[in-house]
Structures are given as C-alpha cells and as structure tokens.
Amino acid sequence: MKVLIIGSGGREHALVAKVSENSAVTKVYCAPGNGGTGREDKCENVNITKIDELLAFAIKNKIDFTIVGSEEWLVQGIVDKFKENGLKILGPSKKAAMLEGSKSFSKEFMKKYKIKTAAYEFFDNTNDAIDYLKKCEYPIVIKADGLAAGKGVVICNDYETAQKCINDFMVLDIFKGSGKNIIIEEFLEGVEASILSITDGKVILPFVSSKDHKQIFDGGIGPNTGGMGAIAPNPYCNEEVLDEFYKNILTPTLKGIQTEKMDYTGIIFFGIMITKKGVYLLEYNVRFGDPETQAVLPLMKSDFTELIVSAIDGKLENFNLQWNEGYSCCLIAASKGYPGNYDTGLEITESGKLDGKLFLAGAVCGDDGTIRTNGGRVLGITGFGGTLEIARDTAYADMKKIQFAGMYHRTDIGKIN
C-alpha cells in the first residue's frame, strides 16, 4: 500500500510515523515533507506543492490514498480534484472546507443548526466595525474571516487594542486578504479544549480530547502562534462536558453536514470553550491540528491506517476506535523572534537518547547531512506517562537534549491550575 501525505509540519511528521506502523504500508510519500519525515524508514520526501502536480504524482505512482495536512489545499479544492480523477483522499470537499475557510460561513452554519456558540457580528467595512467597538463590553474577540495560520484571533481588553487590531486586519491587511472581513465576537471565559474527530459523512467518531497552548509566552500571554504545545487527554473534558459536547455541538454538526449535502469524508476538529454557562463551539478546523496531532495520535491504540481507509470507504459506523491509557505532553521549540522575524539555517543537535518522540517541523536536512532550522516552530517533543505529570516531566527532560541557537519553548505546557 502506498500513501501520500501532503504538508511539511510537525503534524505531517506525526502522520507519516503513524501510517507507517501498518505493515501493509510499504511506501509513504510526503510532499514537500521536512527533515523529520525524510528520516522515517518508509518515507520519501517529494518536493511538489501545486495541486495539479500532486494529482499527477498520485496518478503516476498509483497512490492508494492521500491525507491532506494543511487547510489551504482543502479550501482550494484539492479533494474535489482528486475524487474527480478516481483517487481516494481523506478530506472535505471545497464547499465543506468553508467551515474553516470562512468564519462568517461557519458562524452562520452554527446559527442555522442551533449549535451553541458565542454571539457575534460580521463586518466588511472598517468604519462600521470601529463604530461597533464603542458599544461593546470588553473584553471582546476579533477574528479574521479567512485563513490566518492560527494567528487571526485576538482577545481585546479595551477599545484602543480593538481599534488597532481592526486597523491591522482590515487596513494594513497583515493577513493578505484574510482579514479584510472580520467577526467581532462575545468573549467567553473558561478553558479551551480541542476535540479532533473523523467522519465519513454518516457518523463522527471523536478522538481523545486535547488542550492547545496558543500564546507565545508562559501564562498564556503574548501574541497567538500556530501552537506552542498540547496535552492529551484534556483534564477538563470530563464526562459531563463530553455529554454536552455530543448533544449541543457534535450531533447538530453532523445533521448540518448531512442536510447541506456536504461531501465530507475527513477530519473535523472542534475547538470548544468550557464555561460556567456550558460548553460552546469556538471554531471548526477541517484537518488535523498542529500540535494536537503530535499529542493525540501516539495515544491511538487502533490501527490508524485502517481507520483512514474505513472513513474513505464510508464504513466508520462499525469501527471500534480504541485508545491507550495514560497522557501525552507535546512541547514546541521555536526560533528566537517567532511569531515575528527569526533566523533560519541553524544546526539542530541531539545529545542522548530521547524517552519520548521527536517530531520535526520547521527543519530541513542540509547538504552536509545536518538538520537545520527552516521555520518558526522548529520541532516538537512528545512525552508519555501514566499521569500528566510524568508525561510533562518526560517531555521537558527530553527537550534539554535538543539544542539550536536561540531555541525557545514555554515552561508551563500542561500545568493545571
């Protein structure tokens, strides 16, 4: 069996590693991949990123199925193209991918199908948005309508901060079109949780819960990043929370997908907020999260490849999805200056054997065989244990064995108040 995985982050490294566990998988191609995917025994990196080239490659190499890592390809319609050519691929159609591709589309979907979410207003005019700020109770949340690599959400504690955010998004256009339209949303106080799930359009099977840590600095302060670490399961996702999630979020979401006749065979990621007033849906993602994937997938006891094939074939209803006991903790090491400007080309070294798993992200293999930095979020270390504390200790002990100039990581990932 030959598999194609599209993407270049730590998420894709985790996907390559998990798919490779199946003995029937003889070859995994990762396009374009990174320094970590290229080191996996069954994997070969392929330096292509355009949809037509990916399609031609899949046809020529008789790929059995494809997994799409990044939301950008999904929003561009890669799934539609592959299916039109008779290829098996895990991911939603272009129409269904709008659940992540447009905040206004997803919020209207939530409203239509009575999915519990924060109150909001949509704006495509800067002056109207700023006028609205004068009536708001703070804090508020401002979201770029389009894709912004996980950085398009800002919590504003006062009018001045909110006004600057709108200027950055709508006037300065820091997200190159994705922030020209915005959502201004009610601020919900509580604890966030991420619930990755898989669907074949008939059922949705949730994975173990996880908790992402978005802000760059300890204590959850500073600008948003693509994610600085994750733990799984999320200690706040107790039985009561999960029951409410099923009832008020998962079940009506499935109904909406079916009623709207969305072609959705893939990952659906629920970002939820656990508050004193109940469980709210913050957003949908239509692909694997990063770094949640690096924390969640290693805990999966069931065969991951069989799960993917079952979803693509529309046979999830009878799949017995099982998980290993215990916890995981994924720490992200970033380049100095991230999420702003940072240097690349710095050598990454390892000293001593790791007890957890290393997932490379913004890293490439140099001509001299060394692994060097090539991005803001450079790598992730995932530790495991029977308790969250042991998982954290393992991850932080492993992180001390990795070095590159200017390496930065948070020190409070997985700390529970």
Protein backbone atom coordinates (compact mmCIF):
# COMPACT_ATOMS: atom_id res chain seq x y z
CA MET A 1 0.00 0.00 0.00
CA LYS A 2 1.35 3.43 -0.98
CA VAL A 3 0.28 6.59 0.85
CA LEU A 4 0.72 10.28 0.04
CA ILE A 5 0.73 12.82 2.88
CA ILE A 6 0.63 16.49 1.89
CA GLY A 7 2.30 19.06 4.13
CA SER A 8 5.57 19.96 5.81
CA GLY A 9 4.97 20.46 9.54
CA GLY A 10 5.26 18.51 12.76
CA ARG A 11 1.69 17.32 12.16
CA GLU A 12 2.78 15.68 8.91
CA HIS A 13 5.76 14.03 10.61
CA ALA A 14 3.33 12.54 13.17
CA LEU A 15 1.02 11.37 10.36
CA VAL A 16 3.89 9.72 8.49
CA ALA A 17 5.04 7.93 11.63
CA LYS A 18 1.55 6.67 12.49
CA VAL A 19 0.64 5.50 8.97
CA SER A 20 3.97 3.67 8.75
CA GLU A 21 3.06 1.46 11.72
CA ASN A 22 0.76 -0.57 9.46
CA SER A 23 2.72 -3.48 7.93
CA ALA A 24 0.69 -3.28 4.69
CA VAL A 25 2.03 0.23 4.08
CA THR A 26 5.18 -0.22 2.01
CA LYS A 27 5.81 3.38 0.97
CA VAL A 28 4.86 6.82 2.26
CA TYR A 29 5.48 9.94 0.20
CA CYS A 30 5.39 13.31 1.95
CA ALA A 31 5.01 16.42 -0.20
CA PRO A 32 7.00 18.50 0.42
CA GLY A 33 7.86 17.00 3.83
CA ASN A 34 10.67 18.13 6.14
CA GLY A 35 13.87 16.94 7.74
CA GLY A 36 11.93 14.62 10.06
CA THR A 37 9.64 12.95 7.52
CA GLY A 38 12.68 12.26 5.36
CA ARG A 39 14.29 10.32 8.20
CA GLU A 40 11.35 7.90 8.59
CA ASP A 41 12.20 4.46 7.15
CA LYS A 42 9.24 4.12 4.77
CA CYS A 43 9.05 7.76 3.78
CA GLU A 44 10.40 9.70 0.81
CA ASN A 45 10.01 13.46 0.54
CA VAL A 46 8.71 14.83 -2.76
CA ASN A 47 9.31 18.49 -3.50
CA ILE A 48 5.94 19.41 -5.03
CA THR A 49 3.24 21.71 -3.64
CA LYS A 50 0.87 22.56 -6.51
CA ILE A 51 -2.45 20.73 -6.72
CA ASP A 52 -2.09 19.71 -10.39
CA GLU A 53 1.41 18.37 -9.74
CA LEU A 54 0.24 16.48 -6.64
CA LEU A 55 -2.61 14.97 -8.65
CA ALA A 56 -0.27 13.89 -11.45
CA PHE A 57 2.14 12.38 -8.93
CA ALA A 58 -0.65 10.41 -7.21
CA ILE A 59 -1.88 9.02 -10.53
CA LYS A 60 1.59 8.14 -11.83
CA ASN A 61 2.65 6.42 -8.59
CA LYS A 62 -0.69 4.64 -8.05
CA ILE A 63 -1.19 6.07 -4.58
CA ASP A 64 -3.74 4.06 -2.58
CA PHE A 65 -4.90 7.04 -0.53
CA THR A 66 -3.89 10.61 0.31
CA ILE A 67 -4.08 12.57 3.58
CA VAL A 68 -4.10 16.37 3.36
CA GLY A 69 -2.36 18.15 6.22
CA SER A 70 -2.94 21.84 5.61
CA GLU A 71 -6.27 23.66 5.36
CA GLU A 72 -5.08 25.76 2.41
CA TRP A 73 -5.17 22.86 -0.05
CA LEU A 74 -8.59 21.81 1.24
CA VAL A 75 -10.05 25.29 0.80
CA GLN A 76 -8.57 25.38 -2.72
CA GLY A 77 -10.47 22.19 -3.60
CA ILE A 78 -7.79 19.50 -3.75
CA VAL A 79 -10.25 16.83 -2.58
CA ASP A 80 -12.66 17.60 -5.44
CA LYS A 81 -9.81 17.34 -7.97
CA PHE A 82 -8.57 14.00 -6.64
CA LYS A 83 -12.05 12.48 -6.46
CA GLU A 84 -12.87 13.63 -9.99
CA ASN A 85 -9.90 11.52 -11.09
CA GLY A 86 -10.97 8.45 -9.12
CA LEU A 87 -8.40 8.82 -6.34
CA LYS A 88 -9.04 8.11 -2.67
CA ILE A 89 -8.33 11.07 -0.40
CA LEU A 90 -9.14 11.99 3.20
CA GLY A 91 -10.57 15.48 3.47
CA PRO A 92 -13.71 17.58 2.95
CA SER A 93 -14.82 19.00 -0.38
CA LYS A 94 -14.14 22.64 -1.22
CA LYS A 95 -17.68 23.54 -0.10
CA ALA A 96 -17.35 21.72 3.23
CA ALA A 97 -13.87 23.18 3.82
CA MET A 98 -15.51 26.60 4.14
CA LEU A 99 -16.35 25.58 7.72
CA GLU A 100 -12.74 26.59 8.38
CA GLY A 101 -12.08 28.76 5.35
CA SER A 102 -14.61 31.42 6.37
CA LYS A 103 -15.51 32.36 9.94
CA SER A 104 -18.73 34.01 8.75
CA PHE A 105 -19.75 30.86 6.85
CA SER A 106 -19.09 28.66 9.89
CA LYS A 107 -20.89 31.00 12.31
CA GLU A 108 -23.95 31.09 10.03
CA PHE A 109 -23.82 27.28 9.88
CA MET A 110 -23.72 27.13 13.70
CA LYS A 111 -26.63 29.56 13.95
CA LYS A 112 -28.71 27.66 11.40
CA TYR A 113 -28.27 24.30 13.12
CA LYS A 114 -28.57 25.65 16.68
CA ILE A 115 -25.01 24.80 17.64
CA LYS A 116 -24.07 26.52 20.89
CA THR A 117 -21.60 29.31 20.13
CA ALA A 118 -20.69 32.86 21.17
CA ALA A 119 -22.76 35.83 20.00
CA TYR A 120 -21.12 37.67 17.09
CA GLU A 121 -21.36 40.36 14.41
CA PHE A 122 -19.84 40.31 10.91
CA PHE A 123 -18.15 43.37 9.34
CA ASP A 124 -16.78 44.12 5.88
CA ASN A 125 -16.44 47.86 6.49
CA THR A 126 -13.78 49.38 8.74
CA ASN A 127 -15.83 52.37 9.91
CA ASP A 128 -18.82 50.21 10.83
CA ALA A 129 -16.56 47.86 12.79
CA ILE A 130 -14.94 50.71 14.73
CA ASP A 131 -18.35 52.27 15.47
CA TYR A 132 -19.48 48.91 16.86
CA LEU A 133 -16.47 48.85 19.21
CA LYS A 134 -17.86 51.87 21.04
CA LYS A 135 -20.92 49.83 22.09
CA CYS A 136 -19.05 46.72 23.19
CA GLU A 137 -18.47 45.30 26.64
CA TYR A 138 -14.82 44.29 26.98
CA PRO A 139 -13.02 42.02 26.57
CA ILE A 140 -14.12 41.08 23.04
CA VAL A 141 -12.68 38.71 20.44
CA ILE A 142 -11.81 39.83 16.91
CA LYS A 143 -11.34 37.15 14.25
CA ALA A 144 -10.11 37.36 10.68
CA ASP A 145 -12.75 35.83 8.44
CA GLY A 146 -10.28 33.87 6.31
CA LEU A 147 -7.31 31.59 6.90
CA ALA A 148 -4.54 33.12 9.00
CA ALA A 149 -2.32 30.17 10.04
CA GLY A 150 -3.82 30.09 13.54
CA LYS A 151 -2.90 33.73 14.21
CA GLY A 152 -6.11 35.50 13.17
CA VAL A 153 -7.80 35.61 16.59
CA VAL A 154 -7.14 38.45 19.04
CA ILE A 155 -8.63 38.96 22.50
CA CYS A 156 -9.00 42.71 23.05
CA ASN A 157 -9.34 44.00 26.60
CA ASP A 158 -10.09 47.61 25.67
CA TYR A 159 -11.22 49.90 22.86
CA GLU A 160 -7.71 51.03 21.90
CA THR A 161 -6.45 47.46 21.46
CA ALA A 162 -9.54 46.53 19.45
CA GLN A 163 -9.19 49.60 17.21
CA LYS A 164 -5.54 48.74 16.48
CA CYS A 165 -6.49 45.13 15.73
CA ILE A 166 -9.13 46.22 13.20
CA ASN A 167 -6.61 48.56 11.59
CA ASP A 168 -4.05 45.73 11.36
CA PHE A 169 -6.58 43.29 9.89
CA MET A 170 -8.69 45.48 7.60
CA VAL A 171 -6.47 48.43 6.65
CA LEU A 172 -2.86 47.25 6.91
CA ASP A 173 -4.04 43.84 5.66
CA ILE A 174 -1.47 41.84 7.63
CA PHE A 175 -3.13 38.57 6.58
CA LYS A 176 -3.10 39.43 2.86
CA GLY A 177 -6.85 39.46 2.31
CA SER A 178 -7.94 37.04 5.04
CA GLY A 179 -8.63 39.87 7.49
CA LYS A 180 -10.45 42.25 5.13
CA ASN A 181 -13.68 40.87 6.62
CA ILE A 182 -13.88 40.23 10.36
CA ILE A 183 -16.02 38.76 13.10
CA ILE A 184 -16.39 40.59 16.42
CA GLU A 185 -17.43 38.04 18.97
CA GLU A 186 -18.54 37.78 22.58
CA PHE A 187 -15.67 36.84 24.90
CA LEU A 188 -16.22 33.54 26.69
CA GLU A 189 -14.38 32.94 29.93
CA GLY A 190 -13.35 29.37 30.56
CA VAL A 191 -10.99 26.61 29.46
CA GLU A 192 -10.41 25.71 25.83
CA ALA A 193 -10.37 22.16 24.56
CA SER A 194 -9.64 20.61 21.18
CA ILE A 195 -11.51 17.54 20.00
CA LEU A 196 -10.17 16.02 16.82
CA SER A 197 -12.69 13.75 15.12
CA ILE A 198 -13.09 11.77 11.92
CA THR A 199 -16.20 11.49 9.77
CA ASP A 200 -17.38 9.59 6.72
CA GLY A 201 -20.43 11.85 6.41
CA LYS A 202 -22.59 9.26 8.18
CA VAL A 203 -21.06 9.29 11.67
CA ILE A 204 -18.49 11.37 13.53
CA LEU A 205 -16.01 9.50 15.73
CA PRO A 206 -14.26 11.81 18.23
CA PHE A 207 -10.67 11.20 19.29
CA VAL A 208 -9.38 11.72 22.82
CA SER A 209 -9.58 15.36 23.84
CA SER A 210 -6.57 17.65 23.94
CA LYS A 211 -5.58 21.14 25.03
CA ASP A 212 -3.56 23.53 22.88
CA HIS A 213 -1.47 26.43 24.20
CA LYS A 214 -1.61 29.21 21.60
CA GLN A 215 0.18 32.21 23.11
CA ILE A 216 3.92 32.54 22.76
CA PHE A 217 4.75 33.22 26.42
CA ASP A 218 4.21 31.40 29.73
CA GLY A 219 0.90 32.11 31.40
CA GLY A 220 -0.92 32.38 28.08
CA ILE A 221 0.24 35.90 27.29
CA GLY A 222 1.68 37.49 24.17
CA PRO A 223 0.61 37.10 20.53
CA ASN A 224 -1.04 33.97 19.17
CA THR A 225 1.09 31.39 17.41
CA GLY A 226 0.30 28.24 15.50
CA GLY A 227 0.52 26.47 18.87
CA MET A 228 3.29 26.16 21.46
CA GLY A 229 2.32 22.79 22.92
CA ALA A 230 -0.53 20.41 23.66
CA ILE A 231 -1.58 17.78 26.16
CA ALA A 232 -3.95 14.83 25.82
CA PRO A 233 -6.41 13.92 27.18
CA ASN A 234 -7.62 17.33 28.33
CA PRO A 235 -8.20 17.05 32.13
CA TYR A 236 -11.13 19.47 31.90
CA CYS A 237 -13.05 17.29 29.44
CA ASN A 238 -14.93 15.20 31.99
CA GLU A 239 -17.96 13.03 31.25
CA GLU A 240 -20.39 15.89 31.82
CA VAL A 241 -18.53 18.16 29.39
CA LEU A 242 -18.31 15.46 26.74
CA ASP A 243 -22.03 14.64 27.07
CA GLU A 244 -22.89 18.30 26.49
CA PHE A 245 -20.43 18.43 23.57
CA TYR A 246 -22.16 15.45 21.93
CA LYS A 247 -25.63 16.87 22.44
CA ASN A 248 -25.16 20.55 21.60
CA ILE A 249 -22.23 20.50 19.17
CA LEU A 250 -21.30 17.17 17.56
CA THR A 251 -24.82 15.87 16.85
CA PRO A 252 -26.20 19.08 15.28
CA THR A 253 -22.95 19.49 13.30
CA LEU A 254 -23.46 16.07 11.71
CA LYS A 255 -27.07 16.95 10.97
CA GLY A 256 -25.94 20.16 9.28
CA ILE A 257 -23.34 18.37 7.16
CA GLN A 258 -25.95 15.88 6.00
CA THR A 259 -28.73 18.42 5.45
CA GLU A 260 -26.43 20.71 3.44
CA LYS A 261 -25.32 17.65 1.43
CA MET A 262 -21.66 18.43 2.09
CA ASP A 263 -19.21 15.90 0.72
CA TYR A 264 -17.29 15.49 3.95
CA THR A 265 -15.02 12.49 4.43
CA GLY A 266 -12.20 13.55 6.67
CA ILE A 267 -11.09 15.19 9.89
CA ILE A 268 -13.34 17.61 11.71
CA PHE A 269 -11.70 19.45 14.58
CA PHE A 270 -13.91 21.06 17.21
CA GLY A 271 -12.40 23.95 19.17
CA ILE A 272 -14.59 24.31 22.25
CA MET A 273 -14.76 26.50 25.34
CA ILE A 274 -15.80 25.03 28.68
CA THR A 275 -17.51 27.76 30.71
CA LYS A 276 -19.71 28.05 33.80
CA LYS A 277 -22.62 28.52 31.38
CA GLY A 278 -21.88 25.33 29.48
CA VAL A 279 -19.84 24.14 26.52
CA TYR A 280 -19.57 26.42 23.47
CA LEU A 281 -18.14 25.83 20.00
CA LEU A 282 -15.43 28.36 19.15
CA GLU A 283 -14.49 27.15 15.68
CA TYR A 284 -14.20 24.29 13.26
CA ASN A 285 -10.99 23.14 11.64
CA VAL A 286 -11.29 20.74 8.74
CA ARG A 287 -7.93 18.99 9.18
CA PHE A 288 -5.59 17.64 11.84
CA GLY A 289 -4.47 20.24 14.36
CA ASP A 290 -0.85 21.13 14.98
CA PRO A 291 0.44 20.43 17.66
CA GLU A 292 -2.65 18.48 18.85
CA THR A 293 -1.91 15.70 16.35
CA GLN A 294 1.54 15.15 17.87
CA ALA A 295 -0.09 14.66 21.28
CA VAL A 296 -3.18 12.67 20.26
CA LEU A 297 -2.08 10.22 17.55
CA PRO A 298 0.62 8.45 19.62
CA LEU A 299 -2.12 7.54 22.14
CA MET A 300 -4.21 5.77 19.49
CA LYS A 301 -4.32 2.01 20.10
CA SER A 302 -6.36 1.18 16.98
CA ASP A 303 -4.59 0.92 13.64
CA PHE A 304 -4.55 4.42 12.18
CA THR A 305 -4.32 3.32 8.55
CA GLU A 306 -7.34 1.03 8.94
CA LEU A 307 -9.26 3.96 10.47
CA ILE A 308 -8.45 6.19 7.48
CA VAL A 309 -9.45 3.52 4.97
CA SER A 310 -12.71 2.90 6.86
CA ALA A 311 -13.55 6.60 6.70
CA ILE A 312 -12.78 6.89 2.99
CA ASP A 313 -14.87 3.77 2.29
CA GLY A 314 -17.81 5.05 4.35
CA LYS A 315 -17.55 2.28 6.96
CA LEU A 316 -16.83 4.14 10.20
CA GLU A 317 -20.06 3.08 11.87
CA ASN A 318 -18.65 -0.29 12.92
CA PHE A 319 -15.07 0.82 13.60
CA ASN A 320 -14.03 0.17 17.21
CA LEU A 321 -11.75 3.12 17.92
CA GLN A 322 -9.57 2.37 20.96
CA TRP A 323 -7.01 4.38 22.92
CA ASN A 324 -4.08 3.60 25.16
CA GLU A 325 -4.34 4.67 28.77
CA GLY A 326 -2.20 7.49 30.07
CA TYR A 327 -1.28 11.01 29.00
CA SER A 328 0.89 12.78 26.48
CA CYS A 329 2.52 16.20 26.52
CA CYS A 330 3.91 17.85 23.39
CA LEU A 331 6.30 20.79 23.72
CA ILE A 332 7.12 23.03 20.77
CA ALA A 333 10.58 24.52 20.36
CA ALA A 334 10.53 27.74 18.34
CA SER A 335 13.08 30.03 16.77
CA LYS A 336 14.03 33.20 18.62
CA GLY A 337 11.74 36.01 17.46
CA TYR A 338 8.80 33.80 16.46
CA PRO A 339 5.94 34.63 15.71
CA GLY A 340 7.76 37.67 14.34
CA ASN A 341 11.03 37.62 12.38
CA TYR A 342 13.54 34.87 13.04
CA ASP A 343 16.74 33.38 11.64
CA THR A 344 16.94 30.06 9.78
CA GLY A 345 19.73 27.67 8.85
CA LEU A 346 20.77 26.96 12.44
CA GLU A 347 22.04 23.46 13.16
CA ILE A 348 19.90 21.26 15.45
CA THR A 349 21.79 18.81 17.63
CA GLU A 350 20.69 15.96 19.90
CA SER A 351 22.59 14.79 22.98
CA GLY A 352 21.45 11.49 24.41
CA LYS A 353 18.58 9.12 23.69
CA LEU A 354 15.06 10.53 23.95
CA ASP A 355 12.43 8.78 26.07
CA GLY A 356 9.57 10.35 24.10
CA LYS A 357 9.05 11.14 20.41
CA LEU A 358 10.67 13.88 18.33
CA PHE A 359 8.58 15.41 15.56
CA LEU A 360 10.43 17.84 13.30
CA ALA A 361 8.52 20.74 11.74
CA GLY A 362 10.40 23.84 10.52
CA ALA A 363 13.56 21.85 9.87
CA VAL A 364 15.36 20.57 6.78
CA CYS A 365 18.21 18.21 6.08
CA GLY A 366 21.24 20.17 4.87
CA ASP A 367 23.60 19.12 2.08
CA ASP A 368 26.12 18.10 4.73
CA GLY A 369 23.62 15.76 6.41
CA THR A 370 22.91 18.07 9.34
CA ILE A 371 19.38 19.02 10.38
CA ARG A 372 18.85 22.80 10.30
CA THR A 373 16.07 25.19 11.22
CA ASN A 374 13.80 26.38 8.44
CA GLY A 375 10.77 27.84 10.21
CA GLY A 376 9.30 29.48 13.29
CA ARG A 377 8.05 26.37 15.03
CA VAL A 378 11.04 24.09 14.59
CA LEU A 379 10.18 20.84 16.37
CA GLY A 380 8.03 19.14 18.94
CA ILE A 381 8.87 16.71 21.72
CA THR A 382 6.07 14.44 22.97
CA GLY A 383 6.43 12.70 26.32
CA PHE A 384 4.17 9.97 27.69
CA GLY A 385 3.22 8.69 31.12
CA GLY A 386 0.56 7.15 33.30
CA THR A 387 -0.08 10.62 34.70
CA LEU A 388 0.06 14.06 33.12
CA GLU A 389 2.89 15.00 35.49
CA ILE A 390 5.04 12.08 34.30
CA ALA A 391 4.30 12.93 30.66
CA ARG A 392 5.32 16.55 31.28
CA ASP A 393 8.50 15.56 33.11
CA THR A 394 9.47 13.23 30.26
CA ALA A 395 8.89 15.89 27.61
CA TYR A 396 10.84 18.57 29.48
CA ALA A 397 13.71 16.18 30.21
CA ASP A 398 13.88 15.31 26.51
CA MET A 399 13.80 18.97 25.49
CA LYS A 400 17.05 19.51 27.41
CA LYS A 401 18.69 17.04 24.99
CA ILE A 402 17.86 19.17 21.92
CA GLN A 403 19.78 22.33 21.05
CA PHE A 404 19.89 25.03 18.39
CA ALA A 405 20.91 28.67 18.70
CA GLY A 406 18.11 30.86 20.07
CA MET A 407 15.82 27.91 20.85
CA TYR A 408 12.73 28.95 22.83
CA HIS A 409 9.94 26.95 24.45
CA ARG A 410 7.30 27.61 27.06
CA THR A 411 7.90 26.15 30.52
CA ASP A 412 4.26 25.76 31.58
CA ILE A 413 2.74 23.45 28.97
CA GLY A 414 0.28 21.13 30.69
CA LYS A 415 0.30 22.90 34.04
CA ILE A 416 -3.17 22.61 35.51
CA ASN A 417 -4.41 25.26 37.93
